[in-house]
């Protein structure tokens, strides 16, 4: 029998295609699509293929260099406050608990949230279970780019 890894409600994740690791992420089974705090979002074209170009805002004044993703779609996303908006959704590799897999991320303003990354249930499905009473079950708090003990409510 194969054991399914258990995550806490908060873990450190990596986005290796963007050269990032130790990103604080909220694990949220109530959200369908994962989300990434992105700024300077624009569509560009490379050899006839649409790409999203953006910066990832990691909080505390840490903003990445320009990132690009070629697997792009537009989707209507309903946020936790019930507001619907059309967002760009990109597919990139996600590193979580030793697993590496493709995941979809909507690009959005998460400046009013504590965690720059939210991992939704589509990325978790058939890979992980979640214990909402615990944090950092498969990653180390010390692996985070910065330490932030808060929850994912308004700052």
N, C-alpha and C. Protein backbone atom coordinates (compact mmCIF):
# COMPACT_ATOMS: atom_id res chain seq x y z
N UNK A 1 0.83 -1.18 0.00
CA UNK A 1 0.00 0.00 0.00
C UNK A 1 0.88 1.25 0.00
N UNK A 2 0.58 2.18 -0.88
CA UNK A 2 1.36 3.40 -1.00
C UNK A 2 0.82 4.45 -0.03
N UNK A 3 1.73 5.07 0.67
CA UNK A 3 1.37 6.12 1.62
C UNK A 3 1.30 7.46 0.90
N UNK A 4 0.25 8.25 1.16
CA UNK A 4 0.12 9.58 0.58
C UNK A 4 0.68 10.58 1.58
N UNK A 5 1.62 11.44 1.14
CA UNK A 5 2.21 12.43 2.05
C UNK A 5 1.16 13.39 2.60
N UNK A 6 1.36 13.82 3.83
CA UNK A 6 0.45 14.76 4.49
C UNK A 6 1.14 16.11 4.60
N UNK A 7 0.44 17.14 4.14
CA UNK A 7 0.92 18.52 4.22
C UNK A 7 0.27 19.23 5.39
N UNK A 8 0.94 20.25 5.89
CA UNK A 8 0.31 21.18 6.82
C UNK A 8 -0.39 22.27 6.02
N UNK A 9 -1.06 23.19 6.67
CA UNK A 9 -1.77 24.24 5.96
C UNK A 9 -0.81 25.29 5.40
N UNK A 10 0.45 25.20 5.83
CA UNK A 10 1.49 26.11 5.36
C UNK A 10 2.74 25.28 5.08
N UNK A 11 3.34 25.46 3.91
CA UNK A 11 4.55 24.73 3.53
C UNK A 11 5.44 25.64 2.69
N UNK A 12 6.70 25.25 2.53
CA UNK A 12 7.63 25.94 1.63
C UNK A 12 7.60 25.21 0.30
N UNK A 13 7.49 25.96 -0.80
CA UNK A 13 7.42 25.37 -2.13
C UNK A 13 8.49 25.97 -3.02
N UNK A 14 8.71 25.34 -4.16
CA UNK A 14 9.64 25.86 -5.15
C UNK A 14 9.00 25.95 -6.52
N UNK A 15 9.47 26.88 -7.30
CA UNK A 15 9.08 27.03 -8.70
C UNK A 15 10.38 26.99 -9.51
N UNK A 16 10.88 25.79 -9.78
CA UNK A 16 12.21 25.65 -10.37
C UNK A 16 12.38 26.29 -11.74
N UNK A 17 11.33 26.38 -12.55
CA UNK A 17 11.46 27.02 -13.85
C UNK A 17 11.75 28.50 -13.72
N UNK A 18 11.46 29.07 -12.55
CA UNK A 18 11.75 30.48 -12.29
C UNK A 18 12.94 30.62 -11.33
N UNK A 19 13.60 29.52 -11.01
CA UNK A 19 14.77 29.55 -10.13
C UNK A 19 14.44 29.88 -8.69
N UNK A 20 13.24 29.53 -8.23
CA UNK A 20 12.81 29.90 -6.88
C UNK A 20 12.59 28.68 -6.00
N UNK A 21 12.99 28.80 -4.74
CA UNK A 21 12.70 27.78 -3.73
C UNK A 21 12.46 28.48 -2.41
N UNK A 22 11.88 27.75 -1.46
CA UNK A 22 11.64 28.32 -0.14
C UNK A 22 10.57 29.39 -0.12
N UNK A 23 9.60 29.30 -1.01
CA UNK A 23 8.53 30.29 -1.06
C UNK A 23 7.44 29.89 -0.06
N UNK A 24 7.04 30.79 0.82
CA UNK A 24 5.97 30.45 1.75
C UNK A 24 4.64 30.31 1.00
N UNK A 25 3.96 29.18 1.22
CA UNK A 25 2.72 28.92 0.52
C UNK A 25 1.64 28.48 1.49
N UNK A 26 0.43 28.94 1.24
CA UNK A 26 -0.73 28.46 1.98
C UNK A 26 -1.32 27.31 1.19
N UNK A 27 -1.59 26.21 1.86
CA UNK A 27 -2.23 25.05 1.25
C UNK A 27 -3.72 25.20 1.50
N UNK A 28 -4.51 25.31 0.43
CA UNK A 28 -5.91 25.68 0.57
C UNK A 28 -6.81 24.76 -0.26
N UNK A 29 -7.41 23.78 0.39
CA UNK A 29 -8.29 22.85 -0.31
C UNK A 29 -9.61 23.50 -0.72
N UNK A 30 -9.88 24.68 -0.21
CA UNK A 30 -11.09 25.40 -0.60
C UNK A 30 -10.94 26.12 -1.92
N UNK A 31 -9.71 26.29 -2.37
CA UNK A 31 -9.45 26.95 -3.66
C UNK A 31 -9.22 25.89 -4.72
N UNK A 32 -9.85 26.04 -5.86
CA UNK A 32 -9.65 25.07 -6.94
C UNK A 32 -8.28 25.29 -7.60
N UNK A 33 -8.01 26.52 -8.01
CA UNK A 33 -6.79 26.84 -8.75
C UNK A 33 -5.75 27.46 -7.83
N UNK A 34 -4.52 27.10 -8.01
CA UNK A 34 -3.42 27.71 -7.26
C UNK A 34 -3.26 29.15 -7.75
N UNK A 35 -2.65 29.99 -6.92
CA UNK A 35 -2.48 31.40 -7.27
C UNK A 35 -1.07 31.86 -6.91
N UNK A 36 -0.59 32.80 -7.69
CA UNK A 36 0.76 33.34 -7.54
C UNK A 36 0.66 34.85 -7.50
N UNK A 37 1.30 35.48 -6.52
CA UNK A 37 1.29 36.94 -6.41
C UNK A 37 2.21 37.50 -7.49
N UNK A 38 1.60 38.02 -8.55
CA UNK A 38 2.36 38.51 -9.69
C UNK A 38 2.08 39.99 -9.94
N UNK A 39 3.10 40.67 -10.44
CA UNK A 39 3.00 42.08 -10.79
C UNK A 39 3.53 42.26 -12.21
N UNK A 40 3.33 43.42 -12.78
CA UNK A 40 3.84 43.76 -14.11
C UNK A 40 3.44 42.68 -15.12
N UNK A 41 2.21 42.23 -15.07
CA UNK A 41 1.73 41.14 -15.93
C UNK A 41 1.43 41.68 -17.33
N UNK A 42 1.98 41.02 -18.33
CA UNK A 42 1.70 41.39 -19.71
C UNK A 42 1.80 40.17 -20.61
N UNK A 43 1.10 40.24 -21.73
CA UNK A 43 1.18 39.18 -22.74
C UNK A 43 2.19 39.61 -23.80
N UNK A 44 3.05 38.67 -24.18
CA UNK A 44 4.01 38.89 -25.26
C UNK A 44 3.93 37.70 -26.20
N UNK A 45 4.51 37.85 -27.37
CA UNK A 45 4.49 36.76 -28.33
C UNK A 45 5.93 36.41 -28.71
N UNK A 46 6.23 35.13 -28.71
CA UNK A 46 7.55 34.63 -29.12
C UNK A 46 7.32 33.59 -30.20
N UNK A 47 7.82 33.86 -31.41
CA UNK A 47 7.67 32.94 -32.53
C UNK A 47 6.21 32.51 -32.72
N UNK A 48 5.29 33.45 -32.58
CA UNK A 48 3.88 33.18 -32.78
C UNK A 48 3.18 32.50 -31.61
N UNK A 49 3.92 32.28 -30.51
CA UNK A 49 3.35 31.61 -29.34
C UNK A 49 3.13 32.64 -28.23
N UNK A 50 1.89 32.73 -27.69
CA UNK A 50 1.67 33.69 -26.60
C UNK A 50 2.36 33.25 -25.31
N UNK A 51 2.97 34.22 -24.65
CA UNK A 51 3.64 34.02 -23.37
C UNK A 51 3.13 35.06 -22.38
N UNK A 52 3.08 34.69 -21.13
CA UNK A 52 2.82 35.67 -20.07
C UNK A 52 4.17 36.08 -19.51
N UNK A 53 4.37 37.37 -19.36
CA UNK A 53 5.58 37.91 -18.73
C UNK A 53 5.15 38.62 -17.46
N UNK A 54 5.86 38.39 -16.36
CA UNK A 54 5.45 38.93 -15.07
C UNK A 54 6.61 38.86 -14.09
N UNK A 55 6.44 39.52 -12.97
CA UNK A 55 7.36 39.41 -11.84
C UNK A 55 6.59 38.75 -10.72
N UNK A 56 7.27 37.92 -9.94
CA UNK A 56 6.66 37.29 -8.78
C UNK A 56 7.03 38.12 -7.57
N UNK A 57 6.04 38.59 -6.84
CA UNK A 57 6.27 39.38 -5.63
C UNK A 57 6.26 38.43 -4.45
N UNK A 58 7.41 38.26 -3.81
CA UNK A 58 7.55 37.33 -2.69
C UNK A 58 7.29 38.01 -1.35
N UNK A 59 6.94 39.28 -1.38
CA UNK A 59 6.69 40.01 -0.14
C UNK A 59 7.96 40.57 0.46
N UNK A 60 7.82 41.43 1.42
CA UNK A 60 8.95 42.03 2.14
C UNK A 60 9.95 42.67 1.19
N UNK A 61 9.46 43.25 0.09
CA UNK A 61 10.33 43.93 -0.86
C UNK A 61 11.10 43.03 -1.80
N UNK A 62 10.79 41.74 -1.80
CA UNK A 62 11.48 40.80 -2.68
C UNK A 62 10.64 40.54 -3.93
N UNK A 63 11.07 41.10 -5.04
CA UNK A 63 10.39 40.88 -6.31
C UNK A 63 11.38 40.24 -7.27
N UNK A 64 10.95 39.24 -7.99
CA UNK A 64 11.86 38.51 -8.87
C UNK A 64 12.16 39.29 -10.14
N UNK A 65 13.14 38.78 -10.87
CA UNK A 65 13.38 39.27 -12.21
C UNK A 65 12.17 38.87 -13.06
N UNK A 66 12.14 39.32 -14.29
CA UNK A 66 11.03 38.96 -15.17
C UNK A 66 10.96 37.46 -15.37
N UNK A 67 9.78 36.91 -15.29
CA UNK A 67 9.52 35.48 -15.54
C UNK A 67 8.65 35.39 -16.78
N UNK A 68 8.77 34.28 -17.50
CA UNK A 68 7.90 34.04 -18.64
C UNK A 68 7.40 32.61 -18.60
N UNK A 69 6.15 32.44 -19.02
CA UNK A 69 5.55 31.11 -19.11
C UNK A 69 4.79 31.04 -20.44
N UNK A 70 4.94 29.90 -21.14
CA UNK A 70 4.31 29.79 -22.45
C UNK A 70 2.97 29.07 -22.41
N UNK A 71 2.67 28.34 -21.38
CA UNK A 71 1.39 27.65 -21.27
C UNK A 71 0.41 28.60 -20.58
N UNK A 72 -0.30 29.37 -21.40
CA UNK A 72 -1.12 30.46 -20.87
C UNK A 72 -2.56 30.30 -21.34
N UNK A 73 -3.49 30.57 -20.41
CA UNK A 73 -4.91 30.65 -20.76
C UNK A 73 -5.52 31.79 -19.96
N UNK A 74 -6.73 32.13 -20.29
CA UNK A 74 -7.50 33.12 -19.51
C UNK A 74 -8.67 32.37 -18.92
N UNK A 75 -8.93 32.64 -17.65
CA UNK A 75 -10.00 31.92 -16.97
C UNK A 75 -10.69 32.85 -15.98
N UNK A 76 -12.00 32.66 -15.82
CA UNK A 76 -12.75 33.40 -14.81
C UNK A 76 -12.54 32.69 -13.48
N UNK A 77 -12.00 33.42 -12.51
CA UNK A 77 -11.69 32.88 -11.19
C UNK A 77 -12.51 33.64 -10.15
N UNK A 78 -13.12 32.92 -9.22
CA UNK A 78 -13.85 33.54 -8.11
C UNK A 78 -12.96 33.49 -6.89
N UNK A 79 -12.66 34.65 -6.33
CA UNK A 79 -11.78 34.74 -5.16
C UNK A 79 -12.54 34.39 -3.88
N UNK A 80 -11.82 34.31 -2.79
CA UNK A 80 -12.42 33.94 -1.50
C UNK A 80 -13.47 34.94 -1.03
N UNK A 81 -13.40 36.18 -1.53
CA UNK A 81 -14.41 37.17 -1.14
C UNK A 81 -15.63 37.16 -2.06
N UNK A 82 -15.67 36.20 -3.01
CA UNK A 82 -16.82 36.05 -3.88
C UNK A 82 -16.76 36.84 -5.17
N UNK A 83 -15.72 37.64 -5.36
CA UNK A 83 -15.58 38.45 -6.57
C UNK A 83 -14.99 37.60 -7.70
N UNK A 84 -15.59 37.68 -8.87
CA UNK A 84 -15.08 36.97 -10.04
C UNK A 84 -14.28 37.93 -10.91
N UNK A 85 -13.18 37.44 -11.45
CA UNK A 85 -12.39 38.23 -12.37
C UNK A 85 -11.70 37.31 -13.36
N UNK A 86 -11.42 37.84 -14.53
CA UNK A 86 -10.68 37.07 -15.52
C UNK A 86 -9.19 37.21 -15.20
N UNK A 87 -8.50 36.07 -15.13
CA UNK A 87 -7.08 36.08 -14.82
C UNK A 87 -6.31 35.26 -15.85
N UNK A 88 -5.06 35.61 -16.02
CA UNK A 88 -4.17 34.76 -16.78
C UNK A 88 -3.81 33.57 -15.91
N UNK A 89 -3.77 32.39 -16.50
CA UNK A 89 -3.40 31.17 -15.79
C UNK A 89 -2.22 30.56 -16.55
N UNK A 90 -1.12 30.30 -15.84
CA UNK A 90 0.07 29.71 -16.45
C UNK A 90 0.32 28.34 -15.84
N UNK A 91 0.99 27.50 -16.60
CA UNK A 91 1.40 26.19 -16.11
C UNK A 91 2.91 26.20 -15.95
N UNK A 92 3.37 25.75 -14.79
CA UNK A 92 4.80 25.66 -14.52
C UNK A 92 5.06 24.51 -13.57
N UNK A 93 6.30 24.16 -13.38
CA UNK A 93 6.67 23.08 -12.47
C UNK A 93 6.59 23.58 -11.04
N UNK A 94 6.05 22.73 -10.16
CA UNK A 94 5.94 23.01 -8.73
C UNK A 94 6.71 21.95 -7.97
N UNK A 95 7.54 22.38 -7.05
CA UNK A 95 8.28 21.47 -6.17
C UNK A 95 7.65 21.56 -4.79
N UNK A 96 7.13 20.42 -4.32
CA UNK A 96 6.43 20.39 -3.04
C UNK A 96 6.67 19.04 -2.38
N UNK A 97 7.31 19.05 -1.24
CA UNK A 97 7.54 17.82 -0.48
C UNK A 97 8.32 16.76 -1.23
N UNK A 98 9.29 17.18 -2.02
CA UNK A 98 10.09 16.22 -2.77
C UNK A 98 9.46 15.80 -4.09
N UNK A 99 8.22 16.19 -4.33
CA UNK A 99 7.54 15.88 -5.60
C UNK A 99 7.72 17.07 -6.54
N UNK A 100 7.83 16.77 -7.82
CA UNK A 100 7.97 17.79 -8.85
C UNK A 100 6.92 17.50 -9.92
N UNK A 101 6.03 18.44 -10.17
CA UNK A 101 4.94 18.21 -11.12
C UNK A 101 4.45 19.53 -11.68
N UNK A 102 3.73 19.45 -12.81
CA UNK A 102 3.15 20.64 -13.42
C UNK A 102 1.92 21.07 -12.63
N UNK A 103 1.78 22.37 -12.47
CA UNK A 103 0.61 22.92 -11.78
C UNK A 103 0.21 24.22 -12.47
N UNK A 104 -1.09 24.51 -12.43
CA UNK A 104 -1.61 25.76 -12.96
C UNK A 104 -1.67 26.80 -11.86
N UNK A 105 -1.29 28.03 -12.20
CA UNK A 105 -1.33 29.15 -11.27
C UNK A 105 -2.01 30.33 -11.93
N UNK A 106 -3.00 30.90 -11.25
CA UNK A 106 -3.55 32.16 -11.75
C UNK A 106 -2.62 33.26 -11.26
N UNK A 107 -2.42 34.27 -12.09
CA UNK A 107 -1.57 35.41 -11.76
C UNK A 107 -2.47 36.50 -11.22
N UNK A 108 -2.22 36.91 -9.98
CA UNK A 108 -3.13 37.86 -9.34
C UNK A 108 -2.40 38.68 -8.28
N UNK A 109 -3.06 39.71 -7.82
CA UNK A 109 -2.55 40.55 -6.74
C UNK A 109 -2.92 39.92 -5.41
N UNK A 110 -1.92 39.38 -4.71
CA UNK A 110 -2.13 38.81 -3.38
C UNK A 110 -1.48 39.70 -2.31
N UNK A 111 -1.35 41.00 -2.59
CA UNK A 111 -0.66 41.89 -1.67
C UNK A 111 -1.37 42.01 -0.32
N UNK A 112 -2.65 41.70 -0.27
CA UNK A 112 -3.36 41.76 1.01
C UNK A 112 -3.33 40.42 1.74
N UNK A 113 -2.58 39.46 1.21
CA UNK A 113 -2.43 38.14 1.83
C UNK A 113 -1.02 37.98 2.38
N UNK A 114 -0.87 37.13 3.36
CA UNK A 114 0.43 36.89 3.97
C UNK A 114 1.33 36.06 3.07
N UNK A 115 0.76 35.07 2.39
CA UNK A 115 1.54 34.14 1.59
C UNK A 115 1.46 34.50 0.10
N UNK A 116 2.60 34.62 -0.56
CA UNK A 116 2.59 34.99 -1.98
C UNK A 116 2.10 33.87 -2.90
N UNK A 117 2.05 32.65 -2.39
CA UNK A 117 1.59 31.51 -3.18
C UNK A 117 0.48 30.79 -2.43
N UNK A 118 -0.56 30.42 -3.18
CA UNK A 118 -1.63 29.60 -2.65
C UNK A 118 -1.67 28.33 -3.50
N UNK A 119 -1.66 27.18 -2.86
CA UNK A 119 -1.73 25.91 -3.57
C UNK A 119 -3.15 25.37 -3.41
N UNK A 120 -3.86 25.25 -4.53
CA UNK A 120 -5.26 24.81 -4.53
C UNK A 120 -5.40 23.31 -4.70
N UNK A 121 -6.64 22.86 -4.61
CA UNK A 121 -6.92 21.42 -4.57
C UNK A 121 -6.61 20.69 -5.87
N UNK A 122 -6.65 21.37 -7.02
CA UNK A 122 -6.32 20.69 -8.27
C UNK A 122 -4.87 20.22 -8.26
N UNK A 123 -3.96 21.03 -7.75
CA UNK A 123 -2.55 20.63 -7.67
C UNK A 123 -2.33 19.54 -6.62
N UNK A 124 -3.17 19.52 -5.59
CA UNK A 124 -3.02 18.56 -4.50
C UNK A 124 -3.62 17.20 -4.80
N UNK A 125 -4.64 17.19 -5.65
CA UNK A 125 -5.44 15.99 -5.92
C UNK A 125 -4.58 14.78 -6.26
N UNK A 126 -4.85 13.69 -5.56
CA UNK A 126 -4.21 12.38 -5.75
C UNK A 126 -2.71 12.39 -5.44
N UNK A 127 -2.22 13.49 -4.84
CA UNK A 127 -0.80 13.57 -4.49
C UNK A 127 -0.59 13.72 -2.98
N UNK A 128 -1.48 14.51 -2.33
CA UNK A 128 -1.27 14.87 -0.93
C UNK A 128 -2.58 14.86 -0.15
N UNK A 129 -2.47 14.67 1.15
CA UNK A 129 -3.54 14.94 2.11
C UNK A 129 -3.12 16.18 2.88
N UNK A 130 -4.08 16.84 3.53
CA UNK A 130 -3.77 18.06 4.26
C UNK A 130 -4.29 17.95 5.68
N UNK A 131 -3.42 18.25 6.65
CA UNK A 131 -3.81 18.34 8.05
C UNK A 131 -3.89 19.83 8.38
N UNK A 132 -5.10 20.40 8.44
CA UNK A 132 -5.24 21.85 8.63
C UNK A 132 -4.83 22.34 10.02
N UNK A 133 -4.55 21.43 10.93
CA UNK A 133 -4.14 21.85 12.27
C UNK A 133 -2.62 21.96 12.42
N UNK A 134 -1.87 21.64 11.36
CA UNK A 134 -0.41 21.62 11.44
C UNK A 134 0.21 22.47 10.34
N UNK A 135 1.48 22.82 10.52
CA UNK A 135 2.24 23.54 9.50
C UNK A 135 3.57 22.84 9.28
N UNK A 136 4.14 23.03 8.12
CA UNK A 136 5.47 22.54 7.76
C UNK A 136 5.66 21.06 8.09
N UNK A 137 4.79 20.22 7.59
CA UNK A 137 4.92 18.78 7.82
C UNK A 137 5.89 18.13 6.85
N UNK A 138 6.06 18.69 5.65
CA UNK A 138 7.00 18.09 4.70
C UNK A 138 8.08 19.06 4.25
N UNK A 139 8.07 20.25 4.78
CA UNK A 139 9.12 21.23 4.50
C UNK A 139 9.54 21.86 5.82
N UNK A 140 10.69 22.46 5.81
CA UNK A 140 11.21 23.09 7.02
C UNK A 140 10.92 24.58 7.01
N UNK A 141 10.48 25.09 8.13
CA UNK A 141 10.27 26.54 8.27
C UNK A 141 11.57 27.28 7.94
N UNK A 142 12.70 26.69 8.32
CA UNK A 142 13.99 27.32 8.08
C UNK A 142 14.33 27.41 6.59
N UNK A 143 13.60 26.66 5.73
CA UNK A 143 13.83 26.70 4.29
C UNK A 143 13.19 27.92 3.63
N UNK A 144 12.34 28.64 4.37
CA UNK A 144 11.63 29.78 3.80
C UNK A 144 12.60 30.92 3.48
N UNK A 145 12.26 31.67 2.44
CA UNK A 145 13.04 32.85 2.09
C UNK A 145 13.01 33.88 3.21
N UNK A 146 11.89 33.97 3.90
CA UNK A 146 11.76 34.84 5.06
C UNK A 146 10.80 34.19 6.03
N UNK A 147 10.83 34.59 7.27
CA UNK A 147 9.98 34.01 8.30
C UNK A 147 8.76 34.90 8.50
N UNK A 148 7.58 34.30 8.47
CA UNK A 148 6.35 35.03 8.68
C UNK A 148 5.36 34.11 9.39
N UNK A 149 5.10 34.32 10.66
CA UNK A 149 4.24 33.41 11.43
C UNK A 149 2.75 33.62 11.24
N UNK A 150 2.33 34.62 10.45
CA UNK A 150 0.90 34.95 10.36
C UNK A 150 0.06 33.95 9.60
N UNK A 151 -1.24 34.17 9.67
CA UNK A 151 -2.17 33.37 8.88
C UNK A 151 -2.37 34.06 7.54
N UNK A 152 -3.27 33.57 6.72
CA UNK A 152 -3.43 34.16 5.40
C UNK A 152 -4.63 35.09 5.30
N UNK A 153 -4.84 35.88 6.32
CA UNK A 153 -5.87 36.90 6.28
C UNK A 153 -5.28 38.22 5.85
N UNK A 154 -6.01 39.27 6.02
CA UNK A 154 -5.51 40.60 5.66
C UNK A 154 -4.38 40.97 6.61
N UNK A 155 -3.44 41.70 6.08
CA UNK A 155 -2.28 42.14 6.89
C UNK A 155 -2.67 43.24 7.83
